[in-house]
Amino acid sequence: MGQLTFILGGARSGKSTFAENKAKKLGGRVVYIATAEEKDEEMAARIEVHKRERPSHWQTVEIPINVGQTVTSQQIDADIILLDCLTL
């Protein structure tokens, strides 16, 4: 297993942008696991911004629930796995 980086902070504090920039700098194949759900217009708009800001060659997998179970049951071929939005 390689390096694990855990980024935490307050709501809308720039965690996603920080993680995305780190992944861009590291390079390689990125799988972006998105867990956020479009429950209202504000969240839908935020999700769209995130989608536009991600490089088009990154693979995005949307897993809103049972993230751990779903991820372990899939074959993920990536150098970097970016798991975004683990709301407690």
PDB file of N, CA and C in Angstrom:
ATOM      1  N   MET A   1       0.853  -1.181   0.000  1.00  0.00           N
ATOM      2  CA  MET A   1       0.000   0.000   0.000  1.00  0.00           C
ATOM      3  C   MET A   1       0.889   1.230   0.000  1.00  0.00           C
ATOM      4  N   GLY A   2       0.463   2.235  -0.726  1.00  0.00           N
ATOM      5  CA  GLY A   2       1.229   3.469  -0.833  1.00  0.00           C
ATOM      6  C   GLY A   2       0.889   4.459   0.257  1.00  0.00           C
ATOM      7  N   GLN A   3       1.149   5.700  -0.041  1.00  0.00           N
ATOM      8  CA  GLN A   3       0.938   6.798   0.900  1.00  0.00           C
ATOM      9  C   GLN A   3      -0.546   7.096   1.059  1.00  0.00           C
ATOM     10  N   LEU A   4      -0.950   7.416   2.267  1.00  0.00           N
ATOM     11  CA  LEU A   4      -2.318   7.829   2.555  1.00  0.00           C
ATOM     12  C   LEU A   4      -2.274   9.243   3.105  1.00  0.00           C
ATOM     13  N   THR A   5      -3.035  10.137   2.483  1.00  0.00           N
ATOM     14  CA  THR A   5      -3.139  11.514   2.956  1.00  0.00           C
ATOM     15  C   THR A   5      -4.596  11.773   3.307  1.00  0.00           C
ATOM     16  N   PHE A   6      -4.839  12.237   4.523  1.00  0.00           N
ATOM     17  CA  PHE A   6      -6.189  12.531   4.998  1.00  0.00           C
ATOM     18  C   PHE A   6      -6.284  14.026   5.226  1.00  0.00           C
ATOM     19  N   ILE A   7      -7.231  14.666   4.548  1.00  0.00           N
ATOM     20  CA  ILE A   7      -7.390  16.118   4.638  1.00  0.00           C
ATOM     21  C   ILE A   7      -8.725  16.397   5.316  1.00  0.00           C
ATOM     22  N   LEU A   8      -8.691  17.157   6.388  1.00  0.00           N
ATOM     23  CA  LEU A   8      -9.940  17.505   7.033  1.00  0.00           C
ATOM     24  C   LEU A   8      -9.972  18.984   7.364  1.00  0.00           C
ATOM     25  N   GLY A   9     -11.177  19.485   7.523  1.00  0.00           N
ATOM     26  CA  GLY A   9     -11.375  20.891   7.836  1.00  0.00           C
ATOM     27  C   GLY A   9     -12.856  21.199   7.859  1.00  0.00           C
ATOM     28  N   GLY A  10     -13.172  22.431   8.117  1.00  0.00           N
ATOM     29  CA  GLY A  10     -14.556  22.863   8.196  1.00  0.00           C
ATOM     30  C   GLY A  10     -15.266  22.825   6.853  1.00  0.00           C
ATOM     31  N   ALA A  11     -16.583  22.970   6.917  1.00  0.00           N
ATOM     32  CA  ALA A  11     -17.393  22.997   5.702  1.00  0.00           C
ATOM     33  C   ALA A  11     -16.946  24.145   4.802  1.00  0.00           C
ATOM     34  N   ARG A  12     -16.770  23.853   3.538  1.00  0.00           N
ATOM     35  CA  ARG A  12     -16.415  24.829   2.504  1.00  0.00           C
ATOM     36  C   ARG A  12     -15.118  25.567   2.840  1.00  0.00           C
ATOM     37  N   SER A  13     -14.142  24.823   3.382  1.00  0.00           N
ATOM     38  CA  SER A  13     -12.868  25.441   3.766  1.00  0.00           C
ATOM     39  C   SER A  13     -11.766  25.248   2.729  1.00  0.00           C
ATOM     40  N   GLY A  14     -12.089  24.604   1.605  1.00  0.00           N
ATOM     41  CA  GLY A  14     -11.092  24.416   0.554  1.00  0.00           C
ATOM     42  C   GLY A  14     -10.437  23.048   0.533  1.00  0.00           C
ATOM     43  N   LYS A  15     -11.009  22.097   1.259  1.00  0.00           N
ATOM     44  CA  LYS A  15     -10.435  20.747   1.317  1.00  0.00           C
ATOM     45  C   LYS A  15     -10.377  20.103  -0.061  1.00  0.00           C
ATOM     46  N   SER A  16     -11.468  20.181  -0.805  1.00  0.00           N
ATOM     47  CA  SER A  16     -11.518  19.543  -2.129  1.00  0.00           C
ATOM     48  C   SER A  16     -10.498  20.159  -3.071  1.00  0.00           C
ATOM     49  N   THR A  17     -10.437  21.471  -3.096  1.00  0.00           N
ATOM     50  CA  THR A  17      -9.482  22.159  -3.970  1.00  0.00           C
ATOM     51  C   THR A  17      -8.056  21.795  -3.596  1.00  0.00           C
ATOM     52  N   PHE A  18      -7.762  21.752  -2.309  1.00  0.00           N
ATOM     53  CA  PHE A  18      -6.431  21.375  -1.844  1.00  0.00           C
ATOM     54  C   PHE A  18      -6.085  19.960  -2.316  1.00  0.00           C
ATOM     55  N   ALA A  19      -7.007  19.024  -2.126  1.00  0.00           N
ATOM     56  CA  ALA A  19      -6.773  17.629  -2.512  1.00  0.00           C
ATOM     57  C   ALA A  19      -6.619  17.490  -4.023  1.00  0.00           C
ATOM     58  N   GLU A  20      -7.455  18.193  -4.777  1.00  0.00           N
ATOM     59  CA  GLU A  20      -7.367  18.136  -6.238  1.00  0.00           C
ATOM     60  C   GLU A  20      -6.035  18.695  -6.726  1.00  0.00           C
ATOM     61  N   ASN A  21      -5.591  19.798  -6.155  1.00  0.00           N
ATOM     62  CA  ASN A  21      -4.298  20.378  -6.548  1.00  0.00           C
ATOM     63  C   ASN A  21      -3.148  19.435  -6.212  1.00  0.00           C
ATOM     64  N   LYS A  22      -3.224  18.778  -5.069  1.00  0.00           N
ATOM     65  CA  LYS A  22      -2.190  17.810  -4.689  1.00  0.00           C
ATOM     66  C   LYS A  22      -2.157  16.649  -5.684  1.00  0.00           C
ATOM     67  N   ALA A  23      -3.321  16.153  -6.066  1.00  0.00           N
ATOM     68  CA  ALA A  23      -3.400  15.050  -7.032  1.00  0.00           C
ATOM     69  C   ALA A  23      -2.843  15.471  -8.391  1.00  0.00           C
ATOM     70  N   LYS A  24      -3.149  16.697  -8.808  1.00  0.00           N
ATOM     71  CA  LYS A  24      -2.620  17.201 -10.086  1.00  0.00           C
ATOM     72  C   LYS A  24      -1.099  17.259 -10.058  1.00  0.00           C
ATOM     73  N   LYS A  25      -0.540  17.722  -8.946  1.00  0.00           N
ATOM     74  CA  LYS A  25       0.921  17.832  -8.825  1.00  0.00           C
ATOM     75  C   LYS A  25       1.593  16.466  -8.819  1.00  0.00           C
ATOM     76  N   LEU A  26       0.966  15.493  -8.177  1.00  0.00           N
ATOM     77  CA  LEU A  26       1.543  14.153  -8.112  1.00  0.00           C
ATOM     78  C   LEU A  26       1.503  13.454  -9.471  1.00  0.00           C
ATOM     79  N   GLY A  27       0.453  13.742 -10.251  1.00  0.00           N
ATOM     80  CA  GLY A  27       0.315  13.130 -11.566  1.00  0.00           C
ATOM     81  C   GLY A  27      -0.109  11.670 -11.468  1.00  0.00           C
ATOM     82  N   GLY A  28      -0.281  11.056 -12.607  1.00  0.00           N
ATOM     83  CA  GLY A  28      -0.711   9.663 -12.651  1.00  0.00           C
ATOM     84  C   GLY A  28      -2.202   9.538 -12.887  1.00  0.00           C
ATOM     85  N   ARG A  29      -2.656   8.293 -12.843  1.00  0.00           N
ATOM     86  CA  ARG A  29      -4.080   7.997 -13.073  1.00  0.00           C
ATOM     87  C   ARG A  29      -4.861   8.288 -11.793  1.00  0.00           C
ATOM     88  N   VAL A  30      -5.862   9.139 -11.932  1.00  0.00           N
ATOM     89  CA  VAL A  30      -6.664   9.546 -10.773  1.00  0.00           C
ATOM     90  C   VAL A  30      -8.084   9.013 -10.918  1.00  0.00           C
ATOM     91  N   VAL A  31      -8.561   8.382  -9.867  1.00  0.00           N
ATOM     92  CA  VAL A  31      -9.976   8.030  -9.761  1.00  0.00           C
ATOM     93  C   VAL A  31     -10.548   8.908  -8.658  1.00  0.00           C
ATOM     94  N   TYR A  32     -11.552   9.687  -9.015  1.00  0.00           N
ATOM     95  CA  TYR A  32     -12.195  10.635  -8.106  1.00  0.00           C
ATOM     96  C   TYR A  32     -13.508  10.006  -7.656  1.00  0.00           C
ATOM     97  N   ILE A  33     -13.604   9.684  -6.379  1.00  0.00           N
ATOM     98  CA  ILE A  33     -14.830   9.099  -5.844  1.00  0.00           C
ATOM     99  C   ILE A  33     -15.646  10.218  -5.210  1.00  0.00           C
ATOM    100  N   ALA A  34     -16.769  10.507  -5.835  1.00  0.00           N
ATOM    101  CA  ALA A  34     -17.642  11.595  -5.391  1.00  0.00           C
ATOM    102  C   ALA A  34     -18.814  11.006  -4.608  1.00  0.00           C
ATOM    103  N   THR A  35     -19.011  11.501  -3.396  1.00  0.00           N
ATOM    104  CA  THR A  35     -20.077  10.963  -2.548  1.00  0.00           C
ATOM    105  C   THR A  35     -21.237  11.931  -2.344  1.00  0.00           C
ATOM    106  N   ALA A  36     -21.057  13.180  -2.735  1.00  0.00           N
ATOM    107  CA  ALA A  36     -22.098  14.190  -2.494  1.00  0.00           C
ATOM    108  C   ALA A  36     -23.339  13.903  -3.334  1.00  0.00           C
ATOM    109  N   GLU A  37     -24.487  14.199  -2.763  1.00  0.00           N
ATOM    110  CA  GLU A  37     -25.755  14.028  -3.465  1.00  0.00           C
ATOM    111  C   GLU A  37     -26.390  15.387  -3.713  1.00  0.00           C
ATOM    112  N   GLU A  38     -27.066  15.505  -4.845  1.00  0.00           N
ATOM    113  CA  GLU A  38     -27.752  16.752  -5.207  1.00  0.00           C
ATOM    114  C   GLU A  38     -29.101  16.804  -4.495  1.00  0.00           C
ATOM    115  N   LYS A  39     -29.074  17.233  -3.247  1.00  0.00           N
ATOM    116  CA  LYS A  39     -30.317  17.274  -2.471  1.00  0.00           C
ATOM    117  C   LYS A  39     -31.050  18.601  -2.592  1.00  0.00           C
ATOM    118  N   ASP A  40     -30.356  19.630  -3.063  1.00  0.00           N
ATOM    119  CA  ASP A  40     -30.986  20.928  -3.281  1.00  0.00           C
ATOM    120  C   ASP A  40     -30.215  21.665  -4.375  1.00  0.00           C
ATOM    121  N   GLU A  41     -30.726  22.828  -4.771  1.00  0.00           N
ATOM    122  CA  GLU A  41     -30.110  23.577  -5.870  1.00  0.00           C
ATOM    123  C   GLU A  41     -28.699  24.046  -5.534  1.00  0.00           C
ATOM    124  N   GLU A  42     -28.473  24.446  -4.287  1.00  0.00           N
ATOM    125  CA  GLU A  42     -27.144  24.914  -3.899  1.00  0.00           C
ATOM    126  C   GLU A  42     -26.111  23.793  -4.038  1.00  0.00           C
ATOM    127  N   MET A  43     -26.469  22.604  -3.563  1.00  0.00           N
ATOM    128  CA  MET A  43     -25.532  21.481  -3.658  1.00  0.00           C
ATOM    129  C   MET A  43     -25.330  21.077  -5.110  1.00  0.00           C
ATOM    130  N   ALA A  44     -26.373  21.114  -5.904  1.00  0.00           N
ATOM    131  CA  ALA A  44     -26.241  20.788  -7.327  1.00  0.00           C
ATOM    132  C   ALA A  44     -25.270  21.750  -8.005  1.00  0.00           C
ATOM    133  N   ALA A  45     -25.359  23.025  -7.660  1.00  0.00           N
ATOM    134  CA  ALA A  45     -24.451  24.025  -8.237  1.00  0.00           C
ATOM    135  C   ALA A  45     -23.016  23.776  -7.792  1.00  0.00           C
ATOM    136  N   ARG A  46     -22.817  23.443  -6.535  1.00  0.00           N
ATOM    137  CA  ARG A  46     -21.464  23.161  -6.030  1.00  0.00           C
ATOM    138  C   ARG A  46     -20.864  21.935  -6.717  1.00  0.00           C
ATOM    139  N   ILE A  47     -21.679  20.916  -6.925  1.00  0.00           N
ATOM    140  CA  ILE A  47     -21.208  19.705  -7.608  1.00  0.00           C
ATOM    141  C   ILE A  47     -20.793  20.033  -9.033  1.00  0.00           C
ATOM    142  N   GLU A  48     -21.571  20.854  -9.719  1.00  0.00           N
ATOM    143  CA  GLU A  48     -21.231  21.239 -11.099  1.00  0.00           C
ATOM    144  C   GLU A  48     -19.904  21.982 -11.163  1.00  0.00           C
ATOM    145  N   VAL A  49     -19.659  22.863 -10.202  1.00  0.00           N
ATOM    146  CA  VAL A  49     -18.379  23.586 -10.156  1.00  0.00           C
ATOM    147  C   VAL A  49     -17.234  22.595 -10.001  1.00  0.00           C
ATOM    148  N   HIS A  50     -17.396  21.644  -9.092  1.00  0.00           N
ATOM    149  CA  HIS A  50     -16.347  20.635  -8.889  1.00  0.00           C
ATOM    150  C   HIS A  50     -16.108  19.835 -10.169  1.00  0.00           C
ATOM    151  N   LYS A  51     -17.174  19.460 -10.854  1.00  0.00           N
ATOM    152  CA  LYS A  51     -17.029  18.687 -12.097  1.00  0.00           C
ATOM    153  C   LYS A  51     -16.252  19.477 -13.146  1.00  0.00           C
ATOM    154  N   ARG A  52     -16.566  20.759 -13.287  1.00  0.00           N
ATOM    155  CA  ARG A  52     -15.884  21.599 -14.288  1.00  0.00           C
ATOM    156  C   ARG A  52     -14.409  21.792 -13.957  1.00  0.00           C
ATOM    157  N   GLU A  53     -14.077  21.828 -12.674  1.00  0.00           N
ATOM    158  CA  GLU A  53     -12.699  22.089 -12.262  1.00  0.00           C
ATOM    159  C   GLU A  53     -11.801  20.857 -12.348  1.00  0.00           C
ATOM    160  N   ARG A  54     -12.390  19.664 -12.395  1.00  0.00           N
ATOM    161  CA  ARG A  54     -11.588  18.441 -12.470  1.00  0.00           C
ATOM    162  C   ARG A  54     -11.075  18.227 -13.887  1.00  0.00           C
ATOM    163  N   PRO A  55      -9.846  17.742 -14.031  1.00  0.00           N
ATOM    164  CA  PRO A  55      -9.342  17.407 -15.361  1.00  0.00           C
ATOM    165  C   PRO A  55     -10.223  16.340 -16.018  1.00  0.00           C
ATOM    166  N   SER A  56     -10.429  16.471 -17.315  1.00  0.00           N
ATOM    167  CA  SER A  56     -11.328  15.557 -18.026  1.00  0.00           C
ATOM    168  C   SER A  56     -10.800  14.127 -18.076  1.00  0.00           C
ATOM    169  N   HIS A  57      -9.491  13.941 -17.922  1.00  0.00           N
ATOM    170  CA  HIS A  57      -8.939  12.582 -17.988  1.00  0.00           C
ATOM    171  C   HIS A  57      -9.047  11.830 -16.658  1.00  0.00           C
ATOM    172  N   TRP A  58      -9.491  12.500 -15.608  1.00  0.00           N
ATOM    173  CA  TRP A  58      -9.723  11.804 -14.344  1.00  0.00           C
ATOM    174  C   TRP A  58     -10.998  10.982 -14.467  1.00  0.00           C
ATOM    175  N   GLN A  59     -10.974   9.782 -13.941  1.00  0.00           N
ATOM    176  CA  GLN A  59     -12.172   8.954 -13.914  1.00  0.00           C
ATOM    177  C   GLN A  59     -12.973   9.325 -12.670  1.00  0.00           C
ATOM    178  N   THR A  60     -14.257   9.577 -12.840  1.00  0.00           N
ATOM    179  CA  THR A  60     -15.117   9.907 -11.703  1.00  0.00           C
ATOM    180  C   THR A  60     -16.085   8.761 -11.457  1.00  0.00           C
ATOM    181  N   VAL A  61     -16.178   8.352 -10.198  1.00  0.00           N
ATOM    182  CA  VAL A  61     -17.121   7.323  -9.781  1.00  0.00           C
ATOM    183  C   VAL A  61     -18.003   7.954  -8.713  1.00  0.00           C
ATOM    184  N   GLU A  62     -19.314   7.927  -8.924  1.00  0.00           N
ATOM    185  CA  GLU A  62     -20.242   8.508  -7.953  1.00  0.00           C
ATOM    186  C   GLU A  62     -20.779   7.400  -7.050  1.00  0.00           C
ATOM    187  N   ILE A  63     -20.489   7.515  -5.757  1.00  0.00           N
ATOM    188  CA  ILE A  63     -20.914   6.520  -4.766  1.00  0.00           C
ATOM    189  C   ILE A  63     -21.483   7.276  -3.562  1.00  0.00           C
ATOM    190  N   PRO A  64     -22.784   7.552  -3.556  1.00  0.00           N
ATOM    191  CA  PRO A  64     -23.351   8.357  -2.472  1.00  0.00           C
ATOM    192  C   PRO A  64     -23.514   7.627  -1.138  1.00  0.00           C
ATOM    193  N   ILE A  65     -23.650   6.299  -1.160  1.00  0.00           N
ATOM    194  CA  ILE A  65     -23.828   5.553   0.094  1.00  0.00           C
ATOM    195  C   ILE A  65     -22.984   4.279   0.069  1.00  0.00           C
ATOM    196  N   ASN A  66     -22.743   3.725   1.242  1.00  0.00           N
ATOM    197  CA  ASN A  66     -21.966   2.483   1.368  1.00  0.00           C
ATOM    198  C   ASN A  66     -20.633   2.566   0.635  1.00  0.00           C
ATOM    199  N   VAL A  67     -19.925   3.658   0.845  1.00  0.00           N
ATOM    200  CA  VAL A  67     -18.683   3.926   0.111  1.00  0.00           C
ATOM    201  C   VAL A  67     -17.661   2.811   0.325  1.00  0.00           C
ATOM    202  N   GLY A  68     -17.381   2.477   1.570  1.00  0.00           N
ATOM    203  CA  GLY A  68     -16.370   1.465   1.857  1.00  0.00           C
ATOM    204  C   GLY A  68     -16.677   0.134   1.214  1.00  0.00           C
ATOM    205  N   GLN A  69     -17.907  -0.310   1.353  1.00  0.00           N
ATOM    206  CA  GLN A  69     -18.321  -1.593   0.790  1.00  0.00           C
ATOM    207  C   GLN A  69     -18.231  -1.575  -0.735  1.00  0.00           C
ATOM    208  N   THR A  70     -18.675  -0.489  -1.345  1.00  0.00           N
ATOM    209  CA  THR A  70     -18.663  -0.396  -2.799  1.00  0.00           C
ATOM    210  C   THR A  70     -17.241  -0.333  -3.333  1.00  0.00           C
ATOM    211  N   VAL A  71     -16.389   0.460  -2.694  1.00  0.00           N
ATOM    212  CA  VAL A  71     -15.006   0.609  -3.158  1.00  0.00           C
ATOM    213  C   VAL A  71     -14.256  -0.710  -3.057  1.00  0.00           C
ATOM    214  N   THR A  72     -14.416  -1.423  -1.954  1.00  0.00           N
ATOM    215  CA  THR A  72     -13.678  -2.679  -1.793  1.00  0.00           C
ATOM    216  C   THR A  72     -14.172  -3.767  -2.737  1.00  0.00           C
ATOM    217  N   SER A  73     -15.393  -3.649  -3.233  1.00  0.00           N
ATOM    218  CA  SER A  73     -15.915  -4.661  -4.157  1.00  0.00           C
ATOM    219  C   SER A  73     -15.559  -4.366  -5.613  1.00  0.00           C
ATOM    220  N   GLN A  74     -14.993  -3.204  -5.893  1.00  0.00           N
ATOM    221  CA  GLN A  74     -14.635  -2.827  -7.262  1.00  0.00           C
ATOM    222  C   GLN A  74     -13.132  -2.930  -7.464  1.00  0.00           C
ATOM    223  N   GLN A  75     -12.749  -3.168  -8.703  1.00  0.00           N
ATOM    224  CA  GLN A  75     -11.339  -3.120  -9.073  1.00  0.00           C
ATOM    225  C   GLN A  75     -11.041  -1.686  -9.484  1.00  0.00           C
ATOM    226  N   ILE A  76     -10.243  -0.987  -8.711  1.00  0.00           N
ATOM    227  CA  ILE A  76      -9.903   0.395  -9.037  1.00  0.00           C
ATOM    228  C   ILE A  76      -8.446   0.432  -9.461  1.00  0.00           C
ATOM    229  N   ASP A  77      -8.227   0.775 -10.727  1.00  0.00           N
ATOM    230  CA  ASP A  77      -6.878   0.848 -11.282  1.00  0.00           C
ATOM    231  C   ASP A  77      -6.471   2.315 -11.324  1.00  0.00           C
ATOM    232  N   ALA A  78      -5.732   2.740 -10.302  1.00  0.00           N
ATOM    233  CA  ALA A  78      -5.360   4.148 -10.215  1.00  0.00           C
ATOM    234  C   ALA A  78      -4.077   4.304  -9.419  1.00  0.00           C
ATOM    235  N   ASP A  79      -3.376   5.386  -9.706  1.00  0.00           N
ATOM    236  CA  ASP A  79      -2.226   5.769  -8.898  1.00  0.00           C
ATOM    237  C   ASP A  79      -2.691   6.577  -7.691  1.00  0.00           C
ATOM    238  N   ILE A  80      -3.784   7.322  -7.895  1.00  0.00           N
ATOM    239  CA  ILE A  80      -4.337   8.185  -6.846  1.00  0.00           C
ATOM    240  C   ILE A  80      -5.841   7.960  -6.779  1.00  0.00           C
ATOM    241  N   ILE A  81      -6.343   7.732  -5.583  1.00  0.00           N
ATOM    242  CA  ILE A  81      -7.785   7.666  -5.356  1.00  0.00           C
ATOM    243  C   ILE A  81      -8.135   8.853  -4.479  1.00  0.00           C
ATOM    244  N   LEU A  82      -8.962   9.742  -5.007  1.00  0.00           N
ATOM    245  CA  LEU A  82      -9.375  10.928  -4.265  1.00  0.00           C
ATOM    246  C   LEU A  82     -10.831  10.720  -3.856  1.00  0.00           C
ATOM    247  N   LEU A  83     -11.049  10.543  -2.579  1.00  0.00           N
ATOM    248  CA  LEU A  83     -12.387  10.336  -2.027  1.00  0.00           C
ATOM    249  C   LEU A  83     -12.854  11.652  -1.441  1.00  0.00           C
ATOM    250  N   ASP A  84     -13.907  12.213  -2.017  1.00  0.00           N
ATOM    251  CA  ASP A  84     -14.351  13.548  -1.622  1.00  0.00           C
ATOM    252  C   ASP A  84     -15.711  13.508  -0.948  1.00  0.00           C
ATOM    253  N   CYS A  85     -15.835  14.287   0.105  1.00  0.00           N
ATOM    254  CA  CYS A  85     -17.090  14.569   0.802  1.00  0.00           C
ATOM    255  C   CYS A  85     -17.554  13.425   1.694  1.00  0.00           C
ATOM    256  N   LEU A  86     -16.877  13.268   2.812  1.00  0.00           N
ATOM    257  CA  LEU A  86     -17.298  12.300   3.828  1.00  0.00           C
ATOM    258  C   LEU A  86     -17.972  13.051   4.963  1.00  0.00           C
ATOM    259  N   THR A  87     -19.214  13.414   4.756  1.00  0.00           N
ATOM    260  CA  THR A  87     -19.962  14.156   5.761  1.00  0.00           C
ATOM    261  C   THR A  87     -20.331  13.230   6.905  1.00  0.00           C
ATOM    262  N   LEU A  88     -20.057  13.678   8.104  1.00  0.00           N
ATOM    263  CA  LEU A  88     -20.367  12.863   9.285  1.00  0.00           C
ATOM    264  C   LEU A  88     -21.727  13.209   9.829  1.00  0.00           C
TER     265      LEU A  88
END
